[in-house]
Protein backbone atom coordinates (compact mmCIF):
# COMPACT_ATOMS: atom_id res chain seq x y z
CA MET A 1 11.30 -5.03 -14.71
CA ARG A 2 14.86 -6.25 -14.26
CA LYS A 3 15.81 -9.58 -15.83
CA ARG A 4 16.80 -11.01 -12.45
CA ASP A 5 13.25 -10.32 -11.20
CA MET A 6 11.68 -12.33 -14.02
CA GLY A 7 10.86 -16.03 -13.93
CA PRO A 8 11.83 -18.30 -16.84
CA PHE A 9 8.42 -17.91 -18.52
CA GLN A 10 8.70 -14.10 -18.41
CA LEU A 11 12.25 -14.14 -19.75
CA HIS A 12 11.04 -16.13 -22.75
CA HIS A 13 7.75 -14.29 -23.35
CA GLY A 14 8.38 -10.78 -21.98
CA PRO A 15 6.45 -8.78 -19.40
CA MET A 16 3.25 -10.34 -18.08
CA LYS A 17 -0.12 -9.08 -16.92
CA HIS A 18 -1.87 -10.73 -14.00
CA VAL A 19 -5.43 -11.88 -14.55
CA ASN A 20 -7.71 -12.96 -11.75
CA LEU A 21 -9.82 -15.80 -13.16
CA ARG A 22 -12.76 -17.30 -11.30
CA LEU A 23 -13.61 -20.87 -12.26
CA PRO A 24 -16.17 -23.24 -10.83
CA ASP A 25 -14.44 -25.84 -8.64
CA VAL A 26 -15.25 -28.71 -11.00
CA LEU A 27 -13.91 -26.85 -14.04
CA HIS A 28 -10.75 -25.89 -12.12
CA GLU A 29 -10.09 -29.54 -11.25
CA GLN A 30 -10.73 -30.58 -14.87
CA ALA A 31 -8.34 -27.89 -16.13
CA LYS A 32 -5.64 -28.96 -13.66
CA THR A 33 -6.02 -32.57 -14.77
CA ALA A 34 -5.80 -31.58 -18.44
CA ALA A 35 -2.70 -29.45 -17.77
CA GLU A 36 -1.02 -32.30 -15.89
CA ALA A 37 -1.82 -34.70 -18.74
CA ASP A 38 -0.13 -32.21 -21.10
CA ASP A 39 2.86 -32.00 -18.69
CA ARG A 40 2.28 -28.27 -18.11
CA SER A 41 1.48 -26.00 -15.24
CA LEU A 42 -2.11 -24.81 -15.13
CA ASN A 43 -0.94 -21.29 -16.02
CA SER A 44 1.10 -22.46 -19.02
CA TRP A 45 -1.80 -24.62 -20.19
CA LEU A 46 -4.26 -21.70 -19.94
CA VAL A 47 -1.85 -19.39 -21.78
CA SER A 48 -1.61 -21.92 -24.63
CA LEU A 49 -5.42 -22.10 -24.87
CA VAL A 50 -5.75 -18.31 -24.97
CA ARG A 51 -3.02 -18.07 -27.63
CA ARG A 52 -4.80 -20.69 -29.74
CA ALA A 53 -8.18 -18.96 -29.35
CA VAL A 54 -6.70 -15.59 -30.34
CA ALA A 55 -4.91 -17.11 -33.36
CA ASP A 56 -8.09 -18.92 -34.43
CA GLY A 57 -10.08 -15.69 -34.07
CA GLU A 58 -7.54 -13.77 -36.15
CA HIS A 59 -7.58 -16.50 -38.77
CA ARG A 60 -11.39 -16.40 -38.97
CA SER A 61 -11.47 -12.60 -39.20
CA THR A 62 -8.99 -12.56 -42.12
CA GLN A 63 -11.07 -15.14 -43.98
CA ARG A 64 -14.14 -12.90 -43.81
CA THR A 65 -12.49 -9.91 -45.47
């Protein structure tokens, strides 16, 4: 992908994969509200949650060994 075809988030974080996520309507509204309260887009907010969950999982797996 050419740099001019990338958005600011992609320029900072590299190439992206698209994920189709189905959420119940109520959960979607709650997530949007939480993202807005954190002054983030819903996508950015979800990415931060996934990053944290992956880091926590890696941390837990290194503690077990």
